[in-house]
Amino acid sequence: MIEFQPDGWHTVTPRIIVRDPENLVSFIRKVFDGRGEFHSGRPAEIRIGDSVVMISDGGGLRESAPAFLYVYVEDADSTFRRAIAANAASIEDPTDTPYGDRRATVRDEWGNLWQIATHRRSG
């Protein structure tokens, strides 16, 4: 069978276009233990858990396009604290939801919203 997507990628891959993508890559590495490197001239491919997020400046062809991403992590509280330490603004402090997620929301310096969640029980 012919593969239509790279190995290890999902069918839908978020791409965030921002000014200063190198520092967004650094933020994701610090906060979410992201794996991958910034590359000048092409989108960075940063792996968070089992997912890939592409990050670039749009090459002068695209306007900034901040994202709203829901990210499952092992410990929402500690990830939230790392985000705040990395200059993100708290939008929602960690709280338990009726559907079983412990969730917080932050806005990074580029305007992206990150909902940080740990699933604790099925609801």
PDB file of N, CA and C in Angstrom:
ATOM      1  N   MET A   1       0.838  -1.178   0.000  1.00  0.00           N
ATOM      2  CA  MET A   1       0.000   0.000   0.000  1.00  0.00           C
ATOM      3  C   MET A   1       0.891   1.253   0.000  1.00  0.00           C
ATOM      4  N   ILE A   2       0.522   2.237  -0.786  1.00  0.00           N
ATOM      5  CA  ILE A   2       1.265   3.490  -0.845  1.00  0.00           C
ATOM      6  C   ILE A   2       0.877   4.353   0.346  1.00  0.00           C
ATOM      7  N   GLU A   3       1.885   4.838   1.050  1.00  0.00           N
ATOM      8  CA  GLU A   3       1.643   5.695   2.202  1.00  0.00           C
ATOM      9  C   GLU A   3       1.423   7.126   1.725  1.00  0.00           C
ATOM     10  N   PHE A   4       0.407   7.760   2.229  1.00  0.00           N
ATOM     11  CA  PHE A   4       0.112   9.133   1.838  1.00  0.00           C
ATOM     12  C   PHE A   4       0.513  10.145   2.910  1.00  0.00           C
ATOM     13  N   GLN A   5       1.108   9.660   4.007  1.00  0.00           N
ATOM     14  CA  GLN A   5       1.570  10.553   5.071  1.00  0.00           C
ATOM     15  C   GLN A   5       2.848   9.971   5.652  1.00  0.00           C
ATOM     16  N   PRO A   6       3.692  10.810   6.261  1.00  0.00           N
ATOM     17  CA  PRO A   6       4.944  10.304   6.821  1.00  0.00           C
ATOM     18  C   PRO A   6       4.697   9.331   7.976  1.00  0.00           C
ATOM     19  N   ASP A   7       5.603   8.393   8.165  1.00  0.00           N
ATOM     20  CA  ASP A   7       5.517   7.457   9.279  1.00  0.00           C
ATOM     21  C   ASP A   7       5.452   8.220  10.596  1.00  0.00           C
ATOM     22  N   GLY A   8       4.566   7.783  11.483  1.00  0.00           N
ATOM     23  CA  GLY A   8       4.451   8.374  12.801  1.00  0.00           C
ATOM     24  C   GLY A   8       3.598   9.627  12.870  1.00  0.00           C
ATOM     25  N   TRP A   9       3.061  10.064  11.757  1.00  0.00           N
ATOM     26  CA  TRP A   9       2.213  11.248  11.739  1.00  0.00           C
ATOM     27  C   TRP A   9       0.757  10.811  11.700  1.00  0.00           C
ATOM     28  N   HIS A  10      -0.127  11.682  12.174  1.00  0.00           N
ATOM     29  CA  HIS A  10      -1.563  11.439  12.125  1.00  0.00           C
ATOM     30  C   HIS A  10      -2.141  12.121  10.886  1.00  0.00           C
ATOM     31  N   THR A  11      -3.360  11.814  10.544  1.00  0.00           N
ATOM     32  CA  THR A  11      -3.996  12.377   9.359  1.00  0.00           C
ATOM     33  C   THR A  11      -4.107  13.896   9.442  1.00  0.00           C
ATOM     34  N   VAL A  12      -4.411  14.424  10.614  1.00  0.00           N
ATOM     35  CA  VAL A  12      -4.505  15.870  10.813  1.00  0.00           C
ATOM     36  C   VAL A  12      -3.302  16.318  11.636  1.00  0.00           C
ATOM     37  N   THR A  13      -2.571  17.308  11.121  1.00  0.00           N
ATOM     38  CA  THR A  13      -1.393  17.814  11.809  1.00  0.00           C
ATOM     39  C   THR A  13      -1.527  19.323  11.984  1.00  0.00           C
ATOM     40  N   PRO A  14      -1.584  19.813  13.220  1.00  0.00           N
ATOM     41  CA  PRO A  14      -1.669  21.258  13.424  1.00  0.00           C
ATOM     42  C   PRO A  14      -0.393  21.948  12.954  1.00  0.00           C
ATOM     43  N   ARG A  15      -0.573  23.138  12.387  1.00  0.00           N
ATOM     44  CA  ARG A  15       0.564  23.980  12.014  1.00  0.00           C
ATOM     45  C   ARG A  15       0.299  25.362  12.586  1.00  0.00           C
ATOM     46  N   ILE A  16       1.244  25.842  13.371  1.00  0.00           N
ATOM     47  CA  ILE A  16       1.127  27.150  13.990  1.00  0.00           C
ATOM     48  C   ILE A  16       2.081  28.098  13.267  1.00  0.00           C
ATOM     49  N   ILE A  17       1.542  29.206  12.774  1.00  0.00           N
ATOM     50  CA  ILE A  17       2.360  30.200  12.085  1.00  0.00           C
ATOM     51  C   ILE A  17       2.451  31.429  12.987  1.00  0.00           C
ATOM     52  N   VAL A  18       3.671  31.760  13.382  1.00  0.00           N
ATOM     53  CA  VAL A  18       3.901  32.858  14.321  1.00  0.00           C
ATOM     54  C   VAL A  18       5.155  33.626  13.941  1.00  0.00           C
ATOM     55  N   ARG A  19       5.250  34.838  14.472  1.00  0.00           N
ATOM     56  CA  ARG A  19       6.521  35.545  14.408  1.00  0.00           C
ATOM     57  C   ARG A  19       7.440  34.853  15.417  1.00  0.00           C
ATOM     58  N   ASP A  20       8.688  34.785  15.173  1.00  0.00           N
ATOM     59  CA  ASP A  20       9.650  34.205  16.109  1.00  0.00           C
ATOM     60  C   ASP A  20       9.356  32.733  16.435  1.00  0.00           C
ATOM     61  N   PRO A  21       9.255  31.891  15.415  1.00  0.00           N
ATOM     62  CA  PRO A  21       8.958  30.473  15.678  1.00  0.00           C
ATOM     63  C   PRO A  21      10.029  29.753  16.495  1.00  0.00           C
ATOM     64  N   GLU A  22      11.262  30.206  16.428  1.00  0.00           N
ATOM     65  CA  GLU A  22      12.328  29.543  17.184  1.00  0.00           C
ATOM     66  C   GLU A  22      12.033  29.566  18.683  1.00  0.00           C
ATOM     67  N   ASN A  23      11.524  30.680  19.189  1.00  0.00           N
ATOM     68  CA  ASN A  23      11.223  30.750  20.617  1.00  0.00           C
ATOM     69  C   ASN A  23       9.961  29.991  20.979  1.00  0.00           C
ATOM     70  N   LEU A  24       9.003  29.875  20.063  1.00  0.00           N
ATOM     71  CA  LEU A  24       7.837  29.023  20.335  1.00  0.00           C
ATOM     72  C   LEU A  24       8.274  27.568  20.438  1.00  0.00           C
ATOM     73  N   VAL A  25       9.184  27.147  19.573  1.00  0.00           N
ATOM     74  CA  VAL A  25       9.724  25.787  19.667  1.00  0.00           C
ATOM     75  C   VAL A  25      10.365  25.583  21.039  1.00  0.00           C
ATOM     76  N   SER A  26      11.127  26.558  21.504  1.00  0.00           N
ATOM     77  CA  SER A  26      11.763  26.464  22.823  1.00  0.00           C
ATOM     78  C   SER A  26      10.712  26.359  23.928  1.00  0.00           C
ATOM     79  N   PHE A  27       9.637  27.152  23.842  1.00  0.00           N
ATOM     80  CA  PHE A  27       8.544  27.106  24.816  1.00  0.00           C
ATOM     81  C   PHE A  27       7.939  25.697  24.869  1.00  0.00           C
ATOM     82  N   ILE A  28       7.648  25.123  23.718  1.00  0.00           N
ATOM     83  CA  ILE A  28       7.023  23.795  23.658  1.00  0.00           C
ATOM     84  C   ILE A  28       7.965  22.729  24.222  1.00  0.00           C
ATOM     85  N   ARG A  29       9.240  22.866  23.937  1.00  0.00           N
ATOM     86  CA  ARG A  29      10.207  21.910  24.488  1.00  0.00           C
ATOM     87  C   ARG A  29      10.235  21.989  26.013  1.00  0.00           C
ATOM     88  N   LYS A  30      10.209  23.200  26.576  1.00  0.00           N
ATOM     89  CA  LYS A  30      10.255  23.376  28.032  1.00  0.00           C
ATOM     90  C   LYS A  30       8.972  22.904  28.699  1.00  0.00           C
ATOM     91  N   VAL A  31       7.845  23.325  28.163  1.00  0.00           N
ATOM     92  CA  VAL A  31       6.567  23.091  28.833  1.00  0.00           C
ATOM     93  C   VAL A  31       6.060  21.672  28.622  1.00  0.00           C
ATOM     94  N   PHE A  32       6.120  21.178  27.392  1.00  0.00           N
ATOM     95  CA  PHE A  32       5.507  19.897  27.045  1.00  0.00           C
ATOM     96  C   PHE A  32       6.532  18.789  26.777  1.00  0.00           C
ATOM     97  N   ASP A  33       7.792  19.028  27.123  1.00  0.00           N
ATOM     98  CA  ASP A  33       8.854  18.063  26.812  1.00  0.00           C
ATOM     99  C   ASP A  33       8.854  17.712  25.327  1.00  0.00           C
ATOM    100  N   GLY A  34       8.583  18.723  24.505  1.00  0.00           N
ATOM    101  CA  GLY A  34       8.557  18.520  23.055  1.00  0.00           C
ATOM    102  C   GLY A  34       9.910  18.072  22.536  1.00  0.00           C
ATOM    103  N   ARG A  35       9.867  17.276  21.496  1.00  0.00           N
ATOM    104  CA  ARG A  35      11.086  16.772  20.869  1.00  0.00           C
ATOM    105  C   ARG A  35      11.126  17.262  19.431  1.00  0.00           C
ATOM    106  N   GLY A  36      12.251  17.807  19.046  1.00  0.00           N
ATOM    107  CA  GLY A  36      12.431  18.328  17.698  1.00  0.00           C
ATOM    108  C   GLY A  36      13.191  19.631  17.768  1.00  0.00           C
ATOM    109  N   GLU A  37      13.595  20.110  16.620  1.00  0.00           N
ATOM    110  CA  GLU A  37      14.444  21.294  16.549  1.00  0.00           C
ATOM    111  C   GLU A  37      13.845  22.332  15.619  1.00  0.00           C
ATOM    112  N   PHE A  38      14.192  23.582  15.863  1.00  0.00           N
ATOM    113  CA  PHE A  38      13.854  24.659  14.950  1.00  0.00           C
ATOM    114  C   PHE A  38      14.738  24.543  13.720  1.00  0.00           C
ATOM    115  N   HIS A  39      14.156  24.807  12.560  1.00  0.00           N
ATOM    116  CA  HIS A  39      14.906  24.797  11.302  1.00  0.00           C
ATOM    117  C   HIS A  39      14.581  26.076  10.546  1.00  0.00           C
ATOM    118  N   SER A  40      15.578  26.852  10.233  1.00  0.00           N
ATOM    119  CA  SER A  40      15.371  28.060   9.457  1.00  0.00           C
ATOM    120  C   SER A  40      14.999  27.687   8.022  1.00  0.00           C
ATOM    121  N   GLY A  41      13.987  28.332   7.484  1.00  0.00           N
ATOM    122  CA  GLY A  41      13.620  28.102   6.092  1.00  0.00           C
ATOM    123  C   GLY A  41      12.618  26.998   5.854  1.00  0.00           C
ATOM    124  N   ARG A  42      12.240  26.274   6.895  1.00  0.00           N
ATOM    125  CA  ARG A  42      11.207  25.246   6.753  1.00  0.00           C
ATOM    126  C   ARG A  42      10.524  25.043   8.096  1.00  0.00           C
ATOM    127  N   PRO A  43       9.310  24.502   8.094  1.00  0.00           N
ATOM    128  CA  PRO A  43       8.606  24.323   9.369  1.00  0.00           C
ATOM    129  C   PRO A  43       9.347  23.364  10.304  1.00  0.00           C
ATOM    130  N   ALA A  44       9.345  23.723  11.583  1.00  0.00           N
ATOM    131  CA  ALA A  44       9.844  22.805  12.610  1.00  0.00           C
ATOM    132  C   ALA A  44       8.784  21.728  12.806  1.00  0.00           C
ATOM    133  N   GLU A  45       9.218  20.527  13.068  1.00  0.00           N
ATOM    134  CA  GLU A  45       8.331  19.400  13.350  1.00  0.00           C
ATOM    135  C   GLU A  45       8.592  18.985  14.788  1.00  0.00           C
ATOM    136  N   ILE A  46       7.699  19.402  15.678  1.00  0.00           N
ATOM    137  CA  ILE A  46       7.896  19.170  17.100  1.00  0.00           C
ATOM    138  C   ILE A  46       6.915  18.106  17.566  1.00  0.00           C
ATOM    139  N   ARG A  47       7.439  17.082  18.189  1.00  0.00           N
ATOM    140  CA  ARG A  47       6.610  15.982  18.680  1.00  0.00           C
ATOM    141  C   ARG A  47       6.267  16.227  20.142  1.00  0.00           C
ATOM    142  N   ILE A  48       4.965  16.234  20.425  1.00  0.00           N
ATOM    143  CA  ILE A  48       4.452  16.288  21.790  1.00  0.00           C
ATOM    144  C   ILE A  48       3.731  14.969  21.999  1.00  0.00           C
ATOM    145  N   GLY A  49       4.285  14.120  22.860  1.00  0.00           N
ATOM    146  CA  GLY A  49       3.703  12.790  23.023  1.00  0.00           C
ATOM    147  C   GLY A  49       3.708  12.052  21.699  1.00  0.00           C
ATOM    148  N   ASP A  50       2.518  11.607  21.254  1.00  0.00           N
ATOM    149  CA  ASP A  50       2.442  10.849  19.997  1.00  0.00           C
ATOM    150  C   ASP A  50       2.022  11.718  18.817  1.00  0.00           C
ATOM    151  N   SER A  51       2.057  13.035  18.980  1.00  0.00           N
ATOM    152  CA  SER A  51       1.579  13.942  17.930  1.00  0.00           C
ATOM    153  C   SER A  51       2.681  14.875  17.457  1.00  0.00           C
ATOM    154  N   VAL A  52       2.541  15.338  16.223  1.00  0.00           N
ATOM    155  CA  VAL A  52       3.470  16.301  15.639  1.00  0.00           C
ATOM    156  C   VAL A  52       2.741  17.628  15.455  1.00  0.00           C
ATOM    157  N   VAL A  53       3.419  18.711  15.827  1.00  0.00           N
ATOM    158  CA  VAL A  53       2.933  20.061  15.565  1.00  0.00           C
ATOM    159  C   VAL A  53       3.987  20.742  14.699  1.00  0.00           C
ATOM    160  N   MET A  54       3.548  21.321  13.599  1.00  0.00           N
ATOM    161  CA  MET A  54       4.463  22.062  12.734  1.00  0.00           C
ATOM    162  C   MET A  54       4.428  23.532  13.150  1.00  0.00           C
ATOM    163  N   ILE A  55       5.613  24.162  13.162  1.00  0.00           N
ATOM    164  CA  ILE A  55       5.721  25.559  13.575  1.00  0.00           C
ATOM    165  C   ILE A  55       6.613  26.294  12.583  1.00  0.00           C
ATOM    166  N   SER A  56       6.115  27.443  12.111  1.00  0.00           N
ATOM    167  CA  SER A  56       6.914  28.238  11.181  1.00  0.00           C
ATOM    168  C   SER A  56       6.480  29.691  11.225  1.00  0.00           C
ATOM    169  N   ASP A  57       7.205  30.522  10.469  1.00  0.00           N
ATOM    170  CA  ASP A  57       6.838  31.932  10.347  1.00  0.00           C
ATOM    171  C   ASP A  57       6.002  32.172   9.094  1.00  0.00           C
ATOM    172  N   GLY A  58       5.674  31.135   8.369  1.00  0.00           N
ATOM    173  CA  GLY A  58       4.863  31.259   7.165  1.00  0.00           C
ATOM    174  C   GLY A  58       5.641  31.659   5.933  1.00  0.00           C
ATOM    175  N   GLY A  59       6.934  31.856   6.073  1.00  0.00           N
ATOM    176  CA  GLY A  59       7.764  32.166   4.915  1.00  0.00           C
ATOM    177  C   GLY A  59       7.386  33.452   4.201  1.00  0.00           C
ATOM    178  N   GLY A  60       6.732  34.367   4.901  1.00  0.00           N
ATOM    179  CA  GLY A  60       6.315  35.612   4.275  1.00  0.00           C
ATOM    180  C   GLY A  60       5.092  35.480   3.400  1.00  0.00           C
ATOM    181  N   LEU A  61       4.569  34.258   3.271  1.00  0.00           N
ATOM    182  CA  LEU A  61       3.410  34.011   2.417  1.00  0.00           C
ATOM    183  C   LEU A  61       2.115  33.887   3.201  1.00  0.00           C
ATOM    184  N   ARG A  62       2.230  33.661   4.495  1.00  0.00           N
ATOM    185  CA  ARG A  62       1.045  33.431   5.324  1.00  0.00           C
ATOM    186  C   ARG A  62       1.084  34.342   6.536  1.00  0.00           C
ATOM    187  N   GLU A  63      -0.091  34.767   6.971  1.00  0.00           N
ATOM    188  CA  GLU A  63      -0.187  35.574   8.186  1.00  0.00           C
ATOM    189  C   GLU A  63      -0.095  34.661   9.403  1.00  0.00           C
ATOM    190  N   SER A  64       0.243  35.254  10.533  1.00  0.00           N
ATOM    191  CA  SER A  64       0.253  34.487  11.774  1.00  0.00           C
ATOM    192  C   SER A  64      -1.108  33.846  11.983  1.00  0.00           C
ATOM    193  N   ALA A  65      -1.088  32.636  12.483  1.00  0.00           N
ATOM    194  CA  ALA A  65      -2.325  31.891  12.725  1.00  0.00           C
ATOM    195  C   ALA A  65      -2.188  31.146  14.039  1.00  0.00           C
ATOM    196  N   PRO A  66      -2.502  31.820  15.147  1.00  0.00           N
ATOM    197  CA  PRO A  66      -2.398  31.138  16.428  1.00  0.00           C
ATOM    198  C   PRO A  66      -3.368  29.969  16.515  1.00  0.00           C
ATOM    199  N   ALA A  67      -3.100  29.095  17.437  1.00  0.00           N
ATOM    200  CA  ALA A  67      -3.862  27.852  17.566  1.00  0.00           C
ATOM    201  C   ALA A  67      -4.552  27.777  18.923  1.00  0.00           C
ATOM    202  N   PHE A  68      -5.513  26.860  19.009  1.00  0.00           N
ATOM    203  CA  PHE A  68      -6.141  26.483  20.273  1.00  0.00           C
ATOM    204  C   PHE A  68      -6.018  24.966  20.318  1.00  0.00           C
ATOM    205  N   LEU A  69      -5.100  24.467  21.146  1.00  0.00           N
ATOM    206  CA  LEU A  69      -4.801  23.043  21.175  1.00  0.00           C
ATOM    207  C   LEU A  69      -5.121  22.440  22.540  1.00  0.00           C
ATOM    208  N   TYR A  70      -5.697  21.248  22.528  1.00  0.00           N
ATOM    209  CA  TYR A  70      -5.993  20.477  23.740  1.00  0.00           C
ATOM    210  C   TYR A  70      -4.920  19.415  23.836  1.00  0.00           C
ATOM    211  N   VAL A  71      -4.102  19.477  24.882  1.00  0.00           N
ATOM    212  CA  VAL A  71      -2.945  18.593  24.989  1.00  0.00           C
ATOM    213  C   VAL A  71      -3.063  17.740  26.244  1.00  0.00           C
ATOM    214  N   TYR A  72      -3.092  16.417  26.065  1.00  0.00           N
ATOM    215  CA  TYR A  72      -3.080  15.511  27.219  1.00  0.00           C
ATOM    216  C   TYR A  72      -1.646  15.304  27.685  1.00  0.00           C
ATOM    217  N   VAL A  73      -1.467  15.435  28.990  1.00  0.00           N
ATOM    218  CA  VAL A  73      -0.153  15.271  29.615  1.00  0.00           C
ATOM    219  C   VAL A  73      -0.303  14.382  30.843  1.00  0.00           C
ATOM    220  N   GLU A  74       0.825  13.904  31.350  1.00  0.00           N
ATOM    221  CA  GLU A  74       0.794  13.029  32.522  1.00  0.00           C
ATOM    222  C   GLU A  74       0.324  13.765  33.774  1.00  0.00           C
ATOM    223  N   ASP A  75       0.719  15.029  33.931  1.00  0.00           N
ATOM    224  CA  ASP A  75       0.379  15.794  35.138  1.00  0.00           C
ATOM    225  C   ASP A  75       0.034  17.226  34.728  1.00  0.00           C
ATOM    226  N   ALA A  76      -1.256  17.523  34.643  1.00  0.00           N
ATOM    227  CA  ALA A  76      -1.713  18.844  34.202  1.00  0.00           C
ATOM    228  C   ALA A  76      -1.215  19.953  35.120  1.00  0.00           C
ATOM    229  N   ASP A  77      -1.178  19.708  36.414  1.00  0.00           N
ATOM    230  CA  ASP A  77      -0.755  20.746  37.358  1.00  0.00           C
ATOM    231  C   ASP A  77       0.708  21.139  37.160  1.00  0.00           C
ATOM    232  N   SER A  78       1.594  20.164  37.045  1.00  0.00           N
ATOM    233  CA  SER A  78       3.011  20.507  36.883  1.00  0.00           C
ATOM    234  C   SER A  78       3.272  21.115  35.499  1.00  0.00           C
ATOM    235  N   THR A  79       2.560  20.641  34.475  1.00  0.00           N
ATOM    236  CA  THR A  79       2.721  21.226  33.147  1.00  0.00           C
ATOM    237  C   THR A  79       2.226  22.666  33.142  1.00  0.00           C
ATOM    238  N   PHE A  80       1.113  22.931  33.815  1.00  0.00           N
ATOM    239  CA  PHE A  80       0.595  24.290  33.956  1.00  0.00           C
ATOM    240  C   PHE A  80       1.642  25.182  34.623  1.00  0.00           C
ATOM    241  N   ARG A  81       2.259  24.706  35.689  1.00  0.00           N
ATOM    242  CA  ARG A  81       3.284  25.501  36.393  1.00  0.00           C
ATOM    243  C   ARG A  81       4.484  25.780  35.486  1.00  0.00           C
ATOM    244  N   ARG A  82       4.888  24.796  34.678  1.00  0.00           N
ATOM    245  CA  ARG A  82       5.995  25.017  33.730  1.00  0.00           C
ATOM    246  C   ARG A  82       5.605  26.077  32.702  1.00  0.00           C
ATOM    247  N   ALA A  83       4.365  26.050  32.237  1.00  0.00           N
ATOM    248  CA  ALA A  83       3.899  27.039  31.256  1.00  0.00           C
ATOM    249  C   ALA A  83       3.941  28.444  31.855  1.00  0.00           C
ATOM    250  N   ILE A  84       3.480  28.586  33.077  1.00  0.00           N
ATOM    251  CA  ILE A  84       3.495  29.891  33.744  1.00  0.00           C
ATOM    252  C   ILE A  84       4.944  30.365  33.926  1.00  0.00           C
ATOM    253  N   ALA A  85       5.832  29.463  34.317  1.00  0.00           N
ATOM    254  CA  ALA A  85       7.249  29.808  34.476  1.00  0.00           C
ATOM    255  C   ALA A  85       7.887  30.213  33.143  1.00  0.00           C
ATOM    256  N   ALA A  86       7.324  29.742  32.033  1.00  0.00           N
ATOM    257  CA  ALA A  86       7.828  30.069  30.702  1.00  0.00           C
ATOM    258  C   ALA A  86       7.081  31.269  30.106  1.00  0.00           C
ATOM    259  N   ASN A  87       6.469  32.079  30.969  1.00  0.00           N
ATOM    260  CA  ASN A  87       5.809  33.339  30.596  1.00  0.00           C
ATOM    261  C   ASN A  87       4.447  33.198  29.937  1.00  0.00           C
ATOM    262  N   ALA A  88       3.796  32.065  30.070  1.00  0.00           N
ATOM    263  CA  ALA A  88       2.417  31.961  29.598  1.00  0.00           C
ATOM    264  C   ALA A  88       1.509  32.626  30.634  1.00  0.00           C
ATOM    265  N   ALA A  89       0.361  33.092  30.173  1.00  0.00           N
ATOM    266  CA  ALA A  89      -0.627  33.709  31.071  1.00  0.00           C
ATOM    267  C   ALA A  89      -1.703  32.689  31.407  1.00  0.00           C
ATOM    268  N   SER A  90      -2.091  32.647  32.666  1.00  0.00           N
ATOM    269  CA  SER A  90      -3.144  31.730  33.085  1.00  0.00           C
ATOM    270  C   SER A  90      -4.494  32.247  32.602  1.00  0.00           C
ATOM    271  N   ILE A  91      -5.232  31.405  31.914  1.00  0.00           N
ATOM    272  CA  ILE A  91      -6.600  31.696  31.504  1.00  0.00           C
ATOM    273  C   ILE A  91      -7.564  30.936  32.413  1.00  0.00           C
ATOM    274  N   GLU A  92      -7.157  29.727  32.780  1.00  0.00           N
ATOM    275  CA  GLU A  92      -7.970  28.869  33.650  1.00  0.00           C
ATOM    276  C   GLU A  92      -7.010  28.048  34.511  1.00  0.00           C
ATOM    277  N   ASP A  93      -7.073  28.215  35.815  1.00  0.00           N
ATOM    278  CA  ASP A  93      -6.248  27.415  36.721  1.00  0.00           C
ATOM    279  C   ASP A  93      -6.692  25.951  36.649  1.00  0.00           C
ATOM    280  N   PRO A  94      -5.818  25.026  37.032  1.00  0.00           N
ATOM    281  CA  PRO A  94      -6.199  23.612  37.001  1.00  0.00           C
ATOM    282  C   PRO A  94      -7.471  23.351  37.802  1.00  0.00           C
ATOM    283  N   THR A  95      -8.370  22.624  37.194  1.00  0.00           N
ATOM    284  CA  THR A  95      -9.636  22.284  37.835  1.00  0.00           C
ATOM    285  C   THR A  95     -10.122  20.945  37.294  1.00  0.00           C
ATOM    286  N   ASP A  96     -10.947  20.278  38.070  1.00  0.00           N
ATOM    287  CA  ASP A  96     -11.525  19.013  37.640  1.00  0.00           C
ATOM    288  C   ASP A  96     -12.800  19.289  36.845  1.00  0.00           C
ATOM    289  N   THR A  97     -12.948  18.615  35.710  1.00  0.00           N
ATOM    290  CA  THR A  97     -14.131  18.797  34.868  1.00  0.00           C
ATOM    291  C   THR A  97     -15.121  17.665  35.122  1.00  0.00           C
ATOM    292  N   PRO A  98     -16.397  17.869  34.753  1.00  0.00           N
ATOM    293  CA  PRO A  98     -17.394  16.814  34.950  1.00  0.00           C
ATOM    294  C   PRO A  98     -17.140  15.567  34.090  1.00  0.00           C
ATOM    295  N   TYR A  99     -16.341  15.724  33.039  1.00  0.00           N
ATOM    296  CA  TYR A  99     -16.090  14.589  32.145  1.00  0.00           C
ATOM    297  C   TYR A  99     -14.790  13.855  32.457  1.00  0.00           C
ATOM    298  N   GLY A 100     -14.177  14.171  33.595  1.00  0.00           N
ATOM    299  CA  GLY A 100     -13.061  13.361  34.066  1.00  0.00           C
ATOM    300  C   GLY A 100     -11.671  13.887  33.790  1.00  0.00           C
ATOM    301  N   ASP A 101     -11.555  15.036  33.133  1.00  0.00           N
ATOM    302  CA  ASP A 101     -10.234  15.611  32.892  1.00  0.00           C
ATOM    303  C   ASP A 101      -9.903  16.633  33.976  1.00  0.00           C
ATOM    304  N   ARG A 102      -8.667  16.642  34.411  1.00  0.00           N
ATOM    305  CA  ARG A 102      -8.129  17.755  35.198  1.00  0.00           C
ATOM    306  C   ARG A 102      -7.517  18.671  34.158  1.00  0.00           C
ATOM    307  N   ARG A 103      -7.983  19.935  34.097  1.00  0.00           N
ATOM    308  CA  ARG A 103      -7.648  20.779  32.962  1.00  0.00           C
ATOM    309  C   ARG A 103      -7.322  22.203  33.386  1.00  0.00           C
ATOM    310  N   ALA A 104      -6.383  22.800  32.656  1.00  0.00           N
ATOM    311  CA  ALA A 104      -6.024  24.210  32.815  1.00  0.00           C
ATOM    312  C   ALA A 104      -5.845  24.798  31.418  1.00  0.00           C
ATOM    313  N   THR A 105      -5.904  26.121  31.337  1.00  0.00           N
ATOM    314  CA  THR A 105      -5.695  26.786  30.049  1.00  0.00           C
ATOM    315  C   THR A 105      -4.714  27.930  30.227  1.00  0.00           C
ATOM    316  N   VAL A 106      -3.769  28.032  29.293  1.00  0.00           N
ATOM    317  CA  VAL A 106      -2.818  29.143  29.278  1.00  0.00           C
ATOM    318  C   VAL A 106      -2.767  29.741  27.874  1.00  0.00           C
ATOM    319  N   ARG A 107      -2.346  31.010  27.816  1.00  0.00           N
ATOM    320  CA  ARG A 107      -2.076  31.673  26.539  1.00  0.00           C
ATOM    321  C   ARG A 107      -0.579  31.972  26.497  1.00  0.00           C
ATOM    322  N   ASP A 108       0.081  31.515  25.443  1.00  0.00           N
ATOM    323  CA  ASP A 108       1.509  31.785  25.326  1.00  0.00           C
ATOM    324  C   ASP A 108       1.740  33.189  24.754  1.00  0.00           C
ATOM    325  N   GLU A 109       3.000  33.579  24.646  1.00  0.00           N
ATOM    326  CA  GLU A 109       3.363  34.920  24.174  1.00  0.00           C
ATOM    327  C   GLU A 109       2.953  35.187  22.732  1.00  0.00           C
ATOM    328  N   TRP A 110       2.647  34.154  21.960  1.00  0.00           N
ATOM    329  CA  TRP A 110       2.295  34.277  20.558  1.00  0.00           C
ATOM    330  C   TRP A 110       0.790  34.284  20.336  1.00  0.00           C
ATOM    331  N   GLY A 111       0.032  34.174  21.423  1.00  0.00           N
ATOM    332  CA  GLY A 111      -1.421  34.193  21.330  1.00  0.00           C
ATOM    333  C   GLY A 111      -2.074  32.833  21.232  1.00  0.00           C
ATOM    334  N   ASN A 112      -1.275  31.767  21.260  1.00  0.00           N
ATOM    335  CA  ASN A 112      -1.835  30.413  21.210  1.00  0.00           C
ATOM    336  C   ASN A 112      -2.462  30.058  22.554  1.00  0.00           C
ATOM    337  N   LEU A 113      -3.596  29.390  22.515  1.00  0.00           N
ATOM    338  CA  LEU A 113      -4.223  28.866  23.724  1.00  0.00           C
ATOM    339  C   LEU A 113      -3.909  27.384  23.824  1.00  0.00           C
ATOM    340  N   TRP A 114      -3.502  26.965  24.994  1.00  0.00           N
ATOM    341  CA  TRP A 114      -3.166  25.572  25.272  1.00  0.00           C
ATOM    342  C   TRP A 114      -4.048  25.096  26.417  1.00  0.00           C
ATOM    343  N   GLN A 115      -4.943  24.157  26.140  1.00  0.00           N
ATOM    344  CA  GLN A 115      -5.660  23.502  27.231  1.00  0.00           C
ATOM    345  C   GLN A 115      -4.848  22.278  27.582  1.00  0.00           C
ATOM    346  N   ILE A 116      -4.436  22.235  28.826  1.00  0.00           N
ATOM    347  CA  ILE A 116      -3.544  21.211  29.343  1.00  0.00           C
ATOM    348  C   ILE A 116      -4.389  20.279  30.200  1.00  0.00           C
ATOM    349  N   ALA A 117      -4.421  19.001  29.871  1.00  0.00           N
ATOM    350  CA  ALA A 117      -5.336  18.093  30.554  1.00  0.00           C
ATOM    351  C   ALA A 117      -4.695  16.762  30.902  1.00  0.00           C
ATOM    352  N   THR A 118      -5.173  16.208  32.002  1.00  0.00           N
ATOM    353  CA  THR A 118      -4.874  14.835  32.397  1.00  0.00           C
ATOM    354  C   THR A 118      -6.196  14.145  32.612  1.00  0.00           C
ATOM    355  N   HIS A 119      -6.424  13.048  31.906  1.00  0.00           N
ATOM    356  CA  HIS A 119      -7.671  12.308  32.057  1.00  0.00           C
ATOM    357  C   HIS A 119      -7.563  11.442  33.305  1.00  0.00           C
ATOM    358  N   ARG A 120      -8.501  11.629  34.228  1.00  0.00           N
ATOM    359  CA  ARG A 120      -8.468  10.904  35.493  1.00  0.00           C
ATOM    360  C   ARG A 120      -9.516   9.813  35.597  1.00  0.00           C
ATOM    361  N   ARG A 121     -10.642  10.020  34.921  1.00  0.00           N
ATOM    362  CA  ARG A 121     -11.695   9.003  34.976  1.00  0.00           C
ATOM    363  C   ARG A 121     -12.637   9.221  33.803  1.00  0.00           C
ATOM    364  N   SER A 122     -13.326   8.170  33.426  1.00  0.00           N
ATOM    365  CA  SER A 122     -14.332   8.288  32.369  1.00  0.00           C
ATOM    366  C   SER A 122     -15.596   8.861  32.994  1.00  0.00           C
ATOM    367  N   GLY A 123     -16.217   9.770  32.265  1.00  0.00           N
ATOM    368  CA  GLY A 123     -17.385  10.456  32.811  1.00  0.00           C
ATOM    369  C   GLY A 123     -18.522  10.280  31.979  1.00  0.00           C
TER     370      GLY A 123
END
